[in-house]
Every structure is written in structure tokens, then in C-alpha cells.
Amino acid sequence: MKARPRISITAAMLATLMFAACGSGSQTNSTASQAASTTASTSTSPSSAGHAPENASIALSSPAFKTETPLPARYTCDGGNVSPPLHWGNIPTDTKELALFLVNMRPVNGKLFANWGVLGLKPTESGLAAGSLPAEAITGRNSLGQINYSVCPAKGKEENYIFVIYSLPSQLSAQPGFNAVALREAAFHAAKSEGLLSVSYTRH
């Protein structure tokens, strides 16, 4: 297996913007993956870069918005602050578990900021309804200390986010309220395939 490159946060963000013309989550690739992969514990610029999975990338999309477009206010604290509907496909056949995260592209104090983390999704699942999780799902504690989804940036500043789903060949051991940042890092390193969906939001 090829070694994963190391890139800066700034380079990762610029790489993601190069894919703004892509029309759906299924068109993201390993370069966009780099932007979702900052380290959970270290500061400054080195980060866990995305990798080219052995299997084709997971197709991650939403019926509520397209990739590289603004997140509708309903899915932020300006609305109901509920998770959006998500669809995915092209899951590798040997997947034992799916892990889903929402991360902010802008690091806080040099660390990844996680807005949402969900483990325990069955590989037979093909998506989530808005504000809904299956009974077997395990929700982590986000960087705000909340055990739920939340998008509530400071007013007047655009923030960029990435929904990322990982196909895991074995289940990660975690209890409800797990540290979403740490588990995202573990899922990234264990994943055989991944899907990404980029959005932005500005509070006025």
C-alpha cells in the first residue's frame, strides 16, 4: 500500500475548491478527501491526507442540496438544526460498518472541528432521512460537547464543511458520547472506501 502524503490545511482547502464544478457527491475523489482529513490531536498544518481507497469511492449525496453549494438554513441553528437527508451507494461488499461525520474545514486552535459523528451504521443502509438515525447508530460528542448534530457558525463568516462516510472492514469499538474527532481519525485510517459531500454556510 502506498504511503499517505502529508499536506497542510490550506493546501487541502484549495484542493477541494478545485472541484467546485463537480455536480454531485459521487464525483469527489481522493484529492477532495484530503480536505476532510485533519489530525485529531496535533496542532498547526500537518494533517492526515486522504488516500485513494482500494475500492471505488462511495457515492454520497443529498436530495436537499448539491455538493459545493450552501447548506439550507433548515439544517443549521438558523432553522431546525437537524441533520440533512443523505443517500449513499457503492458500498464495498466486505464492509462491516459505516461511519459518518461532518467536519468543519476551518481548524480551531489547529485541531479538527467535528460537528457530528455517527458510528454503527449497517452496510445495508442506503441513507438517512432528515433528523433521523437508525436504532443501532451510536452518536458521538462533537467539538461543542454536544451528543448531536449541530451547525451553528459565528455570524458573518462563511464556513465550509464536509460530510464524509467511511466503509470499515471491521467495527470500531465505541460507546455513545465517543469523541467524534478521535473516532473520525480512527475511521479514516481503517477505511477501505469513502464518500464526500462538501457544503458551505454563512449566518447573517
N, C-alpha and C. Protein backbone atom coordinates (compact mmCIF):
# COMPACT_ATOMS: atom_id res chain seq x y z
N MET A 1 0.85 -1.19 0.00
CA MET A 1 0.00 0.00 0.00
C MET A 1 0.88 1.24 0.00
N LYS A 2 0.55 2.21 -0.81
CA LYS A 2 1.33 3.44 -0.90
C LYS A 2 1.20 4.26 0.37
N ALA A 3 2.30 4.94 0.74
CA ALA A 3 2.26 5.81 1.92
C ALA A 3 1.35 6.98 1.65
N ARG A 4 0.63 7.42 2.67
CA ARG A 4 -0.27 8.57 2.51
C ARG A 4 0.52 9.86 2.61
N PRO A 5 0.30 10.80 1.72
CA PRO A 5 1.04 12.06 1.76
C PRO A 5 0.58 12.93 2.92
N ARG A 6 1.39 13.89 3.27
CA ARG A 6 1.05 14.86 4.31
C ARG A 6 0.91 16.22 3.66
N ILE A 7 -0.17 16.92 3.94
CA ILE A 7 -0.39 18.22 3.33
C ILE A 7 -0.88 19.19 4.38
N SER A 8 -0.80 20.47 4.09
CA SER A 8 -1.27 21.48 5.03
C SER A 8 -2.76 21.67 4.91
N ILE A 9 -3.37 22.25 5.94
CA ILE A 9 -4.80 22.54 5.91
C ILE A 9 -5.11 23.47 4.74
N THR A 10 -4.29 24.50 4.55
CA THR A 10 -4.54 25.46 3.48
C THR A 10 -4.52 24.77 2.13
N ALA A 11 -3.54 23.92 1.90
CA ALA A 11 -3.46 23.22 0.62
C ALA A 11 -4.66 22.33 0.42
N ALA A 12 -5.12 21.71 1.49
CA ALA A 12 -6.29 20.84 1.39
C ALA A 12 -7.52 21.63 0.98
N MET A 13 -7.70 22.80 1.55
CA MET A 13 -8.87 23.61 1.23
C MET A 13 -8.82 24.07 -0.22
N LEU A 14 -7.64 24.46 -0.71
CA LEU A 14 -7.52 24.88 -2.08
C LEU A 14 -7.78 23.72 -3.03
N ALA A 15 -7.33 22.53 -2.65
CA ALA A 15 -7.57 21.36 -3.50
C ALA A 15 -9.05 21.07 -3.62
N THR A 16 -9.78 21.22 -2.53
CA THR A 16 -11.21 20.96 -2.56
C THR A 16 -11.93 21.96 -3.46
N LEU A 17 -11.53 23.22 -3.41
CA LEU A 17 -12.18 24.23 -4.22
C LEU A 17 -12.00 23.97 -5.70
N MET A 18 -10.98 23.26 -6.08
CA MET A 18 -10.77 22.94 -7.48
C MET A 18 -11.87 22.05 -8.03
N PHE A 19 -12.65 21.42 -7.14
CA PHE A 19 -13.70 20.53 -7.56
C PHE A 19 -15.08 21.17 -7.47
N ALA A 20 -15.13 22.49 -7.44
CA ALA A 20 -16.41 23.17 -7.30
C ALA A 20 -17.34 22.91 -8.46
N ALA A 21 -16.81 22.58 -9.60
CA ALA A 21 -17.67 22.33 -10.76
C ALA A 21 -18.29 20.95 -10.76
N CYS A 22 -17.90 20.10 -9.83
CA CYS A 22 -18.48 18.76 -9.79
C CYS A 22 -19.94 18.85 -9.41
N GLY A 23 -20.79 18.10 -10.05
CA GLY A 23 -22.23 18.24 -9.86
C GLY A 23 -22.83 17.44 -8.76
N SER A 24 -22.14 16.42 -8.20
CA SER A 24 -22.75 15.60 -7.16
C SER A 24 -21.69 15.02 -6.30
N GLY A 25 -22.12 14.46 -5.12
CA GLY A 25 -21.19 13.86 -4.19
C GLY A 25 -20.45 12.70 -4.79
N SER A 26 -21.01 12.03 -5.78
CA SER A 26 -20.37 10.87 -6.38
C SER A 26 -19.15 11.25 -7.20
N GLN A 27 -18.94 12.56 -7.46
CA GLN A 27 -17.84 12.97 -8.30
C GLN A 27 -16.63 13.41 -7.51
N THR A 28 -16.66 13.34 -6.19
CA THR A 28 -15.49 13.67 -5.39
C THR A 28 -14.49 12.55 -5.49
N ASN A 29 -13.21 12.85 -5.15
CA ASN A 29 -12.20 11.82 -5.21
C ASN A 29 -11.18 12.00 -4.12
N SER A 30 -10.04 11.34 -4.26
CA SER A 30 -9.08 11.33 -3.17
C SER A 30 -8.50 12.70 -2.89
N THR A 31 -8.45 13.61 -3.87
CA THR A 31 -7.96 14.95 -3.58
C THR A 31 -8.90 15.69 -2.66
N ALA A 32 -10.20 15.60 -2.92
CA ALA A 32 -11.17 16.21 -2.01
C ALA A 32 -11.10 15.55 -0.66
N SER A 33 -10.78 14.28 -0.63
CA SER A 33 -10.66 13.55 0.63
C SER A 33 -9.60 14.16 1.52
N GLN A 34 -8.57 14.74 0.91
CA GLN A 34 -7.52 15.36 1.70
C GLN A 34 -8.07 16.45 2.61
N ALA A 35 -9.07 17.17 2.13
CA ALA A 35 -9.60 18.29 2.89
C ALA A 35 -10.36 17.85 4.11
N ALA A 36 -10.88 16.65 4.13
CA ALA A 36 -11.66 16.17 5.26
C ALA A 36 -10.81 15.52 6.31
N SER A 37 -9.49 15.47 6.11
CA SER A 37 -8.66 14.60 6.91
C SER A 37 -7.60 15.35 7.68
N THR A 38 -7.97 16.12 8.69
CA THR A 38 -7.01 16.76 9.57
C THR A 38 -6.84 15.92 10.81
N THR A 39 -5.73 16.04 11.49
CA THR A 39 -5.48 15.19 12.64
C THR A 39 -6.34 15.59 13.81
N ALA A 40 -6.63 14.62 14.68
CA ALA A 40 -7.48 14.86 15.83
C ALA A 40 -6.72 15.50 16.96
N SER A 41 -5.41 15.31 17.02
CA SER A 41 -4.71 15.67 18.24
C SER A 41 -3.60 16.69 18.07
N THR A 42 -3.06 16.89 16.88
CA THR A 42 -1.93 17.77 16.74
C THR A 42 -2.35 19.16 16.29
N SER A 43 -1.43 20.10 16.39
CA SER A 43 -1.72 21.48 16.03
C SER A 43 -1.19 21.77 14.64
N THR A 44 -1.26 23.02 14.24
CA THR A 44 -0.71 23.57 13.01
C THR A 44 -1.07 22.77 11.78
N SER A 45 -0.10 22.70 10.82
CA SER A 45 -0.50 22.31 9.48
C SER A 45 -0.47 20.83 9.13
N PRO A 46 0.45 19.98 9.59
CA PRO A 46 0.45 18.60 9.10
C PRO A 46 -0.87 17.93 9.38
N SER A 47 -1.36 17.15 8.41
CA SER A 47 -2.65 16.50 8.58
C SER A 47 -2.65 15.15 7.90
N SER A 48 -3.59 14.31 8.30
CA SER A 48 -3.75 13.02 7.64
C SER A 48 -4.42 13.27 6.31
N ALA A 49 -3.71 13.08 5.24
CA ALA A 49 -4.27 13.35 3.92
C ALA A 49 -5.16 12.20 3.50
N GLY A 50 -6.09 12.51 2.60
CA GLY A 50 -6.96 11.47 2.07
C GLY A 50 -6.15 10.49 1.24
N HIS A 51 -6.70 9.32 1.04
CA HIS A 51 -5.99 8.30 0.28
C HIS A 51 -6.91 7.77 -0.81
N ALA A 52 -6.31 7.16 -1.80
CA ALA A 52 -7.09 6.54 -2.85
C ALA A 52 -7.48 5.15 -2.38
N PRO A 53 -8.76 4.92 -2.01
CA PRO A 53 -9.16 3.63 -1.48
C PRO A 53 -8.97 2.52 -2.51
N GLU A 54 -8.84 1.30 -2.01
CA GLU A 54 -8.69 0.15 -2.90
C GLU A 54 -9.95 0.00 -3.75
N ASN A 55 -11.12 0.25 -3.14
CA ASN A 55 -12.37 0.16 -3.87
C ASN A 55 -12.79 1.54 -4.36
N ALA A 56 -13.71 1.57 -5.31
CA ALA A 56 -14.20 2.85 -5.81
C ALA A 56 -14.83 3.65 -4.68
N SER A 57 -14.78 4.96 -4.79
CA SER A 57 -15.32 5.82 -3.75
C SER A 57 -16.82 5.63 -3.59
N ILE A 58 -17.29 5.79 -2.37
CA ILE A 58 -18.72 5.73 -2.07
C ILE A 58 -19.38 6.96 -2.68
N ALA A 59 -20.56 6.78 -3.24
CA ALA A 59 -21.33 7.89 -3.79
C ALA A 59 -22.20 8.48 -2.68
N LEU A 60 -21.83 9.64 -2.18
CA LEU A 60 -22.56 10.31 -1.10
C LEU A 60 -23.24 11.55 -1.65
N SER A 61 -24.54 11.70 -1.40
CA SER A 61 -25.29 12.84 -1.93
C SER A 61 -26.45 13.16 -1.01
N SER A 62 -27.13 14.26 -1.30
CA SER A 62 -28.32 14.65 -0.55
C SER A 62 -29.38 15.15 -1.53
N PRO A 63 -30.65 14.79 -1.31
CA PRO A 63 -31.73 15.33 -2.15
C PRO A 63 -32.03 16.78 -1.81
N ALA A 64 -31.45 17.31 -0.73
CA ALA A 64 -31.75 18.67 -0.28
C ALA A 64 -30.79 19.72 -0.83
N PHE A 65 -29.64 19.29 -1.34
CA PHE A 65 -28.66 20.23 -1.87
C PHE A 65 -27.63 19.45 -2.68
N LYS A 66 -26.86 20.17 -3.48
CA LYS A 66 -25.77 19.57 -4.25
C LYS A 66 -24.45 19.87 -3.59
N THR A 67 -23.45 19.08 -3.93
CA THR A 67 -22.14 19.34 -3.38
C THR A 67 -21.62 20.70 -3.84
N GLU A 68 -20.82 21.33 -3.01
CA GLU A 68 -20.23 22.64 -3.27
C GLU A 68 -21.28 23.74 -3.36
N THR A 69 -22.39 23.59 -2.65
CA THR A 69 -23.43 24.63 -2.60
C THR A 69 -23.73 24.94 -1.13
N PRO A 70 -24.44 26.04 -0.85
CA PRO A 70 -24.77 26.37 0.53
C PRO A 70 -25.71 25.34 1.17
N LEU A 71 -25.48 25.06 2.41
CA LEU A 71 -26.35 24.19 3.19
C LEU A 71 -27.64 24.95 3.49
N PRO A 72 -28.81 24.39 3.19
CA PRO A 72 -30.07 25.08 3.51
C PRO A 72 -30.15 25.39 5.01
N ALA A 73 -30.71 26.56 5.35
CA ALA A 73 -30.75 27.03 6.73
C ALA A 73 -31.47 26.05 7.66
N ARG A 74 -32.40 25.28 7.12
CA ARG A 74 -33.12 24.31 7.95
C ARG A 74 -32.17 23.37 8.68
N TYR A 75 -31.01 23.12 8.08
CA TYR A 75 -30.08 22.16 8.65
C TYR A 75 -28.97 22.84 9.45
N THR A 76 -29.29 24.06 9.94
CA THR A 76 -28.38 24.81 10.80
C THR A 76 -29.17 25.35 11.99
N CYS A 77 -28.48 26.05 12.88
CA CYS A 77 -29.16 26.62 14.04
C CYS A 77 -30.05 27.80 13.67
N ASP A 78 -30.00 28.27 12.42
CA ASP A 78 -30.93 29.28 11.95
C ASP A 78 -32.28 28.67 11.60
N GLY A 79 -32.32 27.35 11.58
CA GLY A 79 -33.57 26.62 11.33
C GLY A 79 -33.77 25.58 12.42
N GLY A 80 -34.02 24.35 12.01
CA GLY A 80 -34.25 23.29 12.99
C GLY A 80 -33.00 22.66 13.55
N ASN A 81 -31.82 22.98 12.91
CA ASN A 81 -30.53 22.39 13.32
C ASN A 81 -30.60 20.86 13.34
N VAL A 82 -31.27 20.30 12.33
CA VAL A 82 -31.37 18.85 12.20
C VAL A 82 -30.46 18.39 11.07
N SER A 83 -30.01 17.18 11.14
CA SER A 83 -29.15 16.63 10.09
C SER A 83 -29.94 16.51 8.79
N PRO A 84 -29.30 16.76 7.66
CA PRO A 84 -30.00 16.70 6.38
C PRO A 84 -30.21 15.26 5.92
N PRO A 85 -31.10 15.05 4.97
CA PRO A 85 -31.24 13.72 4.37
C PRO A 85 -29.98 13.41 3.56
N LEU A 86 -29.52 12.18 3.67
CA LEU A 86 -28.32 11.76 2.96
C LEU A 86 -28.56 10.42 2.29
N HIS A 87 -28.00 10.25 1.11
CA HIS A 87 -28.07 8.98 0.39
C HIS A 87 -26.65 8.53 0.07
N TRP A 88 -26.43 7.22 0.06
CA TRP A 88 -25.12 6.72 -0.37
C TRP A 88 -25.27 5.37 -1.07
N GLY A 89 -24.26 5.04 -1.84
CA GLY A 89 -24.26 3.79 -2.57
C GLY A 89 -22.85 3.38 -2.93
N ASN A 90 -22.69 2.26 -3.61
CA ASN A 90 -21.39 1.72 -4.00
C ASN A 90 -20.56 1.33 -2.78
N ILE A 91 -21.22 0.70 -1.81
CA ILE A 91 -20.55 0.24 -0.60
C ILE A 91 -19.81 -1.06 -0.89
N PRO A 92 -18.53 -1.18 -0.52
CA PRO A 92 -17.79 -2.42 -0.73
C PRO A 92 -18.48 -3.61 -0.06
N THR A 93 -18.41 -4.77 -0.68
CA THR A 93 -19.14 -5.93 -0.19
C THR A 93 -18.62 -6.45 1.15
N ASP A 94 -17.36 -6.17 1.48
CA ASP A 94 -16.82 -6.67 2.74
C ASP A 94 -16.95 -5.66 3.89
N THR A 95 -17.76 -4.64 3.71
CA THR A 95 -17.95 -3.63 4.76
C THR A 95 -18.69 -4.22 5.96
N LYS A 96 -18.18 -3.95 7.15
CA LYS A 96 -18.82 -4.40 8.39
C LYS A 96 -19.58 -3.27 9.09
N GLU A 97 -19.18 -2.05 8.81
CA GLU A 97 -19.78 -0.90 9.48
C GLU A 97 -19.53 0.35 8.65
N LEU A 98 -20.48 1.29 8.70
CA LEU A 98 -20.29 2.60 8.09
C LEU A 98 -20.18 3.65 9.20
N ALA A 99 -19.30 4.60 9.01
CA ALA A 99 -19.14 5.70 9.95
C ALA A 99 -19.35 7.00 9.20
N LEU A 100 -20.09 7.92 9.79
CA LEU A 100 -20.47 9.17 9.13
C LEU A 100 -20.07 10.35 10.01
N PHE A 101 -19.47 11.35 9.40
CA PHE A 101 -19.03 12.53 10.14
C PHE A 101 -19.32 13.80 9.34
N LEU A 102 -19.47 14.90 10.07
CA LEU A 102 -19.49 16.23 9.48
C LEU A 102 -18.38 17.02 10.14
N VAL A 103 -17.46 17.53 9.34
CA VAL A 103 -16.33 18.28 9.90
C VAL A 103 -16.24 19.65 9.25
N ASN A 104 -15.74 20.60 10.02
CA ASN A 104 -15.52 21.95 9.55
C ASN A 104 -14.15 22.03 8.90
N MET A 105 -14.08 22.67 7.73
CA MET A 105 -12.80 22.80 7.04
C MET A 105 -11.82 23.72 7.77
N ARG A 106 -12.36 24.57 8.64
CA ARG A 106 -11.50 25.52 9.34
C ARG A 106 -11.10 24.94 10.69
N PRO A 107 -9.82 24.65 10.91
CA PRO A 107 -9.42 24.10 12.20
C PRO A 107 -9.57 25.14 13.31
N VAL A 108 -9.85 24.69 14.50
CA VAL A 108 -9.96 25.56 15.67
C VAL A 108 -8.78 25.25 16.58
N ASN A 109 -7.96 26.27 16.85
CA ASN A 109 -6.73 26.08 17.62
C ASN A 109 -5.88 24.97 17.01
N GLY A 110 -5.87 24.91 15.68
CA GLY A 110 -5.05 23.94 14.98
C GLY A 110 -5.58 22.53 14.97
N LYS A 111 -6.81 22.33 15.46
CA LYS A 111 -7.36 20.98 15.53
C LYS A 111 -8.65 20.88 14.72
N LEU A 112 -8.92 19.68 14.26
CA LEU A 112 -10.14 19.42 13.53
C LEU A 112 -11.36 19.74 14.38
N PHE A 113 -12.37 20.34 13.78
CA PHE A 113 -13.63 20.64 14.47
C PHE A 113 -14.70 19.73 13.88
N ALA A 114 -15.24 18.86 14.71
CA ALA A 114 -16.28 17.93 14.26
C ALA A 114 -17.65 18.43 14.71
N ASN A 115 -18.57 18.52 13.77
CA ASN A 115 -19.95 18.94 14.08
C ASN A 115 -20.87 17.76 14.33
N TRP A 116 -20.42 16.57 13.94
CA TRP A 116 -21.29 15.40 14.05
C TRP A 116 -20.46 14.15 13.84
N GLY A 117 -20.78 13.08 14.56
CA GLY A 117 -20.13 11.80 14.36
C GLY A 117 -21.09 10.66 14.67
N VAL A 118 -21.20 9.71 13.74
CA VAL A 118 -22.12 8.59 13.90
C VAL A 118 -21.40 7.30 13.52
N LEU A 119 -21.42 6.33 14.41
CA LEU A 119 -20.89 5.00 14.14
C LEU A 119 -22.03 3.99 14.16
N GLY A 120 -21.72 2.77 13.78
CA GLY A 120 -22.69 1.68 13.89
C GLY A 120 -23.71 1.60 12.78
N LEU A 121 -23.52 2.33 11.71
CA LEU A 121 -24.46 2.25 10.59
C LEU A 121 -24.22 0.94 9.82
N LYS A 122 -25.27 0.21 9.58
CA LYS A 122 -25.14 -1.07 8.89
C LYS A 122 -24.79 -0.86 7.42
N PRO A 123 -23.97 -1.74 6.85
CA PRO A 123 -23.62 -1.61 5.43
C PRO A 123 -24.80 -1.79 4.50
N THR A 124 -25.89 -2.35 5.02
CA THR A 124 -27.10 -2.49 4.21
C THR A 124 -27.92 -1.21 4.16
N GLU A 125 -27.60 -0.25 5.03
CA GLU A 125 -28.28 1.04 5.00
C GLU A 125 -27.88 1.79 3.73
N SER A 126 -28.82 2.53 3.16
CA SER A 126 -28.51 3.29 1.95
C SER A 126 -28.72 4.79 2.13
N GLY A 127 -29.01 5.20 3.36
CA GLY A 127 -29.19 6.63 3.59
C GLY A 127 -29.91 6.92 4.88
N LEU A 128 -30.09 8.21 5.14
CA LEU A 128 -30.78 8.68 6.35
C LEU A 128 -31.80 9.73 5.97
N ALA A 129 -32.94 9.70 6.63
CA ALA A 129 -33.92 10.78 6.49
C ALA A 129 -33.46 11.97 7.32
N ALA A 130 -33.98 13.14 7.04
CA ALA A 130 -33.61 14.34 7.79
C ALA A 130 -33.89 14.16 9.28
N GLY A 131 -32.90 14.48 10.10
CA GLY A 131 -33.06 14.43 11.55
C GLY A 131 -33.29 13.05 12.11
N SER A 132 -32.91 12.02 11.36
CA SER A 132 -33.23 10.65 11.78
C SER A 132 -32.00 9.76 11.75
N LEU A 133 -31.92 8.84 12.72
CA LEU A 133 -30.88 7.83 12.77
C LEU A 133 -31.50 6.48 13.09
N PRO A 134 -30.96 5.39 12.56
CA PRO A 134 -31.48 4.06 12.92
C PRO A 134 -31.16 3.73 14.38
N ALA A 135 -31.90 2.78 14.92
CA ALA A 135 -31.77 2.44 16.34
C ALA A 135 -30.37 1.98 16.70
N GLU A 136 -29.68 1.34 15.78
CA GLU A 136 -28.36 0.79 16.10
C GLU A 136 -27.24 1.82 16.03
N ALA A 137 -27.52 3.01 15.53
CA ALA A 137 -26.49 4.03 15.39
C ALA A 137 -26.00 4.53 16.74
N ILE A 138 -24.73 4.86 16.81
CA ILE A 138 -24.11 5.40 18.03
C ILE A 138 -23.62 6.80 17.72
N THR A 139 -24.10 7.77 18.46
CA THR A 139 -23.74 9.17 18.21
C THR A 139 -22.62 9.62 19.14
N GLY A 140 -21.65 10.32 18.59
CA GLY A 140 -20.53 10.80 19.38
C GLY A 140 -20.74 12.21 19.89
N ARG A 141 -19.79 12.66 20.67
CA ARG A 141 -19.81 14.02 21.21
C ARG A 141 -19.00 14.91 20.27
N ASN A 142 -19.66 15.94 19.74
CA ASN A 142 -18.96 16.81 18.79
C ASN A 142 -18.04 17.79 19.50
N SER A 143 -17.41 18.65 18.72
CA SER A 143 -16.43 19.58 19.30
C SER A 143 -17.06 20.66 20.17
N LEU A 144 -18.38 20.77 20.14
CA LEU A 144 -19.11 21.68 21.03
C LEU A 144 -19.49 20.99 22.32
N GLY A 145 -19.15 19.71 22.44
CA GLY A 145 -19.51 18.94 23.63
C GLY A 145 -20.92 18.40 23.59
N GLN A 146 -21.55 18.45 22.41
CA GLN A 146 -22.94 18.01 22.27
C GLN A 146 -23.00 16.62 21.64
N ILE A 147 -23.93 15.81 22.12
CA ILE A 147 -24.13 14.48 21.53
C ILE A 147 -25.26 14.60 20.52
N ASN A 148 -25.01 15.34 19.50
CA ASN A 148 -25.98 15.51 18.42
C ASN A 148 -25.33 16.28 17.28
N TYR A 149 -26.04 16.38 16.19
CA TYR A 149 -25.63 17.17 15.04
C TYR A 149 -25.84 18.65 15.35
N SER A 150 -24.91 19.49 14.93
CA SER A 150 -25.10 20.93 15.09
C SER A 150 -24.23 21.70 14.11
N VAL A 151 -24.85 22.63 13.38
CA VAL A 151 -24.13 23.57 12.53
C VAL A 151 -24.57 24.96 12.94
N CYS A 152 -23.68 25.68 13.63
CA CYS A 152 -24.05 26.99 14.16
C CYS A 152 -22.81 27.88 14.19
N PRO A 153 -22.32 28.31 13.02
CA PRO A 153 -21.12 29.13 12.97
C PRO A 153 -21.37 30.55 13.45
N ALA A 154 -20.29 31.27 13.68
CA ALA A 154 -20.41 32.68 14.05
C ALA A 154 -21.03 33.45 12.88
N LYS A 155 -21.75 34.50 13.20
CA LYS A 155 -22.41 35.29 12.16
C LYS A 155 -21.40 36.05 11.31
N GLY A 156 -21.73 36.17 10.03
CA GLY A 156 -20.95 36.99 9.13
C GLY A 156 -19.73 36.34 8.51
N LYS A 157 -19.48 35.07 8.80
CA LYS A 157 -18.30 34.41 8.25
C LYS A 157 -18.71 33.10 7.59
N GLU A 158 -18.32 32.94 6.33
CA GLU A 158 -18.64 31.68 5.65
C GLU A 158 -17.78 30.55 6.22
N GLU A 159 -18.43 29.44 6.50
CA GLU A 159 -17.72 28.24 6.93
C GLU A 159 -17.95 27.15 5.88
N ASN A 160 -16.95 26.33 5.71
CA ASN A 160 -17.02 25.23 4.74
C ASN A 160 -16.97 23.90 5.49
N TYR A 161 -17.84 23.00 5.11
CA TYR A 161 -17.99 21.72 5.80
C TYR A 161 -17.92 20.57 4.82
N ILE A 162 -17.58 19.40 5.35
CA ILE A 162 -17.60 18.18 4.54
C ILE A 162 -18.29 17.07 5.31
N PHE A 163 -19.33 16.51 4.71
CA PHE A 163 -19.89 15.25 5.19
C PHE A 163 -19.01 14.15 4.62
N VAL A 164 -18.57 13.24 5.45
CA VAL A 164 -17.72 12.15 4.97
C VAL A 164 -18.20 10.83 5.57
N ILE A 165 -18.32 9.82 4.71
CA ILE A 165 -18.74 8.49 5.15
C ILE A 165 -17.62 7.52 4.84
N TYR A 166 -17.34 6.62 5.79
CA TYR A 166 -16.27 5.65 5.65
C TYR A 166 -16.83 4.24 5.66
N SER A 167 -16.29 3.40 4.80
CA SER A 167 -16.57 1.97 4.80
C SER A 167 -15.48 1.28 5.61
N LEU A 168 -15.88 0.59 6.68
CA LEU A 168 -14.92 -0.03 7.59
C LEU A 168 -14.96 -1.55 7.46
N PRO A 169 -13.79 -2.20 7.35
CA PRO A 169 -13.76 -3.65 7.23
C PRO A 169 -13.99 -4.38 8.55
N SER A 170 -13.96 -3.65 9.65
CA SER A 170 -14.28 -4.20 10.97
C SER A 170 -14.91 -3.10 11.81
N GLN A 171 -15.65 -3.48 12.83
CA GLN A 171 -16.35 -2.50 13.64
C GLN A 171 -15.40 -1.80 14.61
N LEU A 172 -15.59 -0.50 14.77
CA LEU A 172 -14.85 0.25 15.77
C LEU A 172 -15.55 0.14 17.12
N SER A 173 -14.77 -0.02 18.15
CA SER A 173 -15.35 -0.14 19.49
C SER A 173 -15.57 1.26 20.07
N ALA A 174 -16.82 1.59 20.35
CA ALA A 174 -17.14 2.91 20.88
C ALA A 174 -18.45 2.88 21.64
N GLN A 175 -18.55 3.74 22.62
CA GLN A 175 -19.77 3.89 23.41
C GLN A 175 -20.44 5.21 23.02
N PRO A 176 -21.74 5.35 23.25
CA PRO A 176 -22.41 6.63 22.98
C PRO A 176 -21.67 7.78 23.67
N GLY A 177 -21.52 8.88 22.96
CA GLY A 177 -20.79 10.01 23.51
C GLY A 177 -19.30 9.94 23.23
N PHE A 178 -18.88 9.04 22.34
CA PHE A 178 -17.46 8.95 21.98
C PHE A 178 -16.97 10.28 21.44
N ASN A 179 -15.67 10.48 21.49
CA ASN A 179 -15.06 11.69 20.96
C ASN A 179 -15.09 11.63 19.43
N ALA A 180 -15.90 12.48 18.82
CA ALA A 180 -16.10 12.43 17.37
C ALA A 180 -14.82 12.71 16.60
N VAL A 181 -13.98 13.59 17.09
CA VAL A 181 -12.74 13.91 16.41
C VAL A 181 -11.80 12.71 16.41
N ALA A 182 -11.63 12.09 17.57
CA ALA A 182 -10.74 10.94 17.68
C ALA A 182 -11.24 9.76 16.85
N LEU A 183 -12.55 9.53 16.87
CA LEU A 183 -13.10 8.40 16.11
C LEU A 183 -13.07 8.67 14.62
N ARG A 184 -13.18 9.93 14.21
CA ARG A 184 -13.02 10.22 12.78
C ARG A 184 -11.62 9.86 12.32
N GLU A 185 -10.65 10.16 13.14
CA GLU A 185 -9.27 9.83 12.80
C GLU A 185 -9.09 8.32 12.69
N ALA A 186 -9.66 7.57 13.63
CA ALA A 186 -9.55 6.12 13.60
C ALA A 186 -10.27 5.55 12.37
N ALA A 187 -11.43 6.10 12.06
CA ALA A 187 -12.19 5.63 10.91
C ALA A 187 -11.44 5.92 9.61
N PHE A 188 -10.83 7.08 9.53
CA PHE A 188 -10.06 7.44 8.34
C PHE A 188 -8.95 6.43 8.06
N HIS A 189 -8.22 6.07 9.10
CA HIS A 189 -7.09 5.16 8.92
C HIS A 189 -7.55 3.73 8.64
N ALA A 190 -8.73 3.36 9.13
CA ALA A 190 -9.22 1.99 8.93
C ALA A 190 -10.01 1.83 7.63
N ALA A 191 -10.48 2.91 7.05
CA ALA A 191 -11.42 2.85 5.92
C ALA A 191 -10.81 2.23 4.67
N LYS A 192 -11.64 1.47 3.96
CA LYS A 192 -11.27 0.94 2.66
C LYS A 192 -11.86 1.78 1.53
N SER A 193 -12.89 2.54 1.85
CA SER A 193 -13.52 3.39 0.85
C SER A 193 -14.20 4.54 1.57
N GLU A 194 -14.44 5.63 0.87
CA GLU A 194 -15.03 6.81 1.49
C GLU A 194 -15.82 7.62 0.47
N GLY A 195 -16.75 8.42 0.98
CA GLY A 195 -17.51 9.32 0.13
C GLY A 195 -17.57 10.68 0.78
N LEU A 196 -17.60 11.74 -0.03
CA LEU A 196 -17.57 13.09 0.49
C LEU A 196 -18.63 13.97 -0.14
N LEU A 197 -19.11 14.91 0.64
CA LEU A 197 -20.12 15.86 0.18
C LEU A 197 -19.81 17.21 0.83
N SER A 198 -19.42 18.19 0.02
CA SER A 198 -18.99 19.49 0.53
C SER A 198 -20.11 20.52 0.50
N VAL A 199 -20.20 21.32 1.55
CA VAL A 199 -21.19 22.40 1.62
C VAL A 199 -20.56 23.62 2.31
N SER A 200 -21.26 24.73 2.23
CA SER A 200 -20.83 25.94 2.93
C SER A 200 -22.05 26.54 3.62
N TYR A 201 -21.78 27.44 4.57
CA TYR A 201 -22.89 28.15 5.20
C TYR A 201 -22.39 29.46 5.79
N THR A 202 -23.20 30.52 5.63
CA THR A 202 -22.92 31.82 6.22
C THR A 202 -24.14 32.29 6.98
N ARG A 203 -23.98 32.57 8.26
CA ARG A 203 -25.07 33.15 9.05
C ARG A 203 -25.08 34.66 8.88
N HIS A 204 -26.29 35.22 8.73
CA HIS A 204 -26.41 36.67 8.51
C HIS A 204 -27.08 37.34 9.72
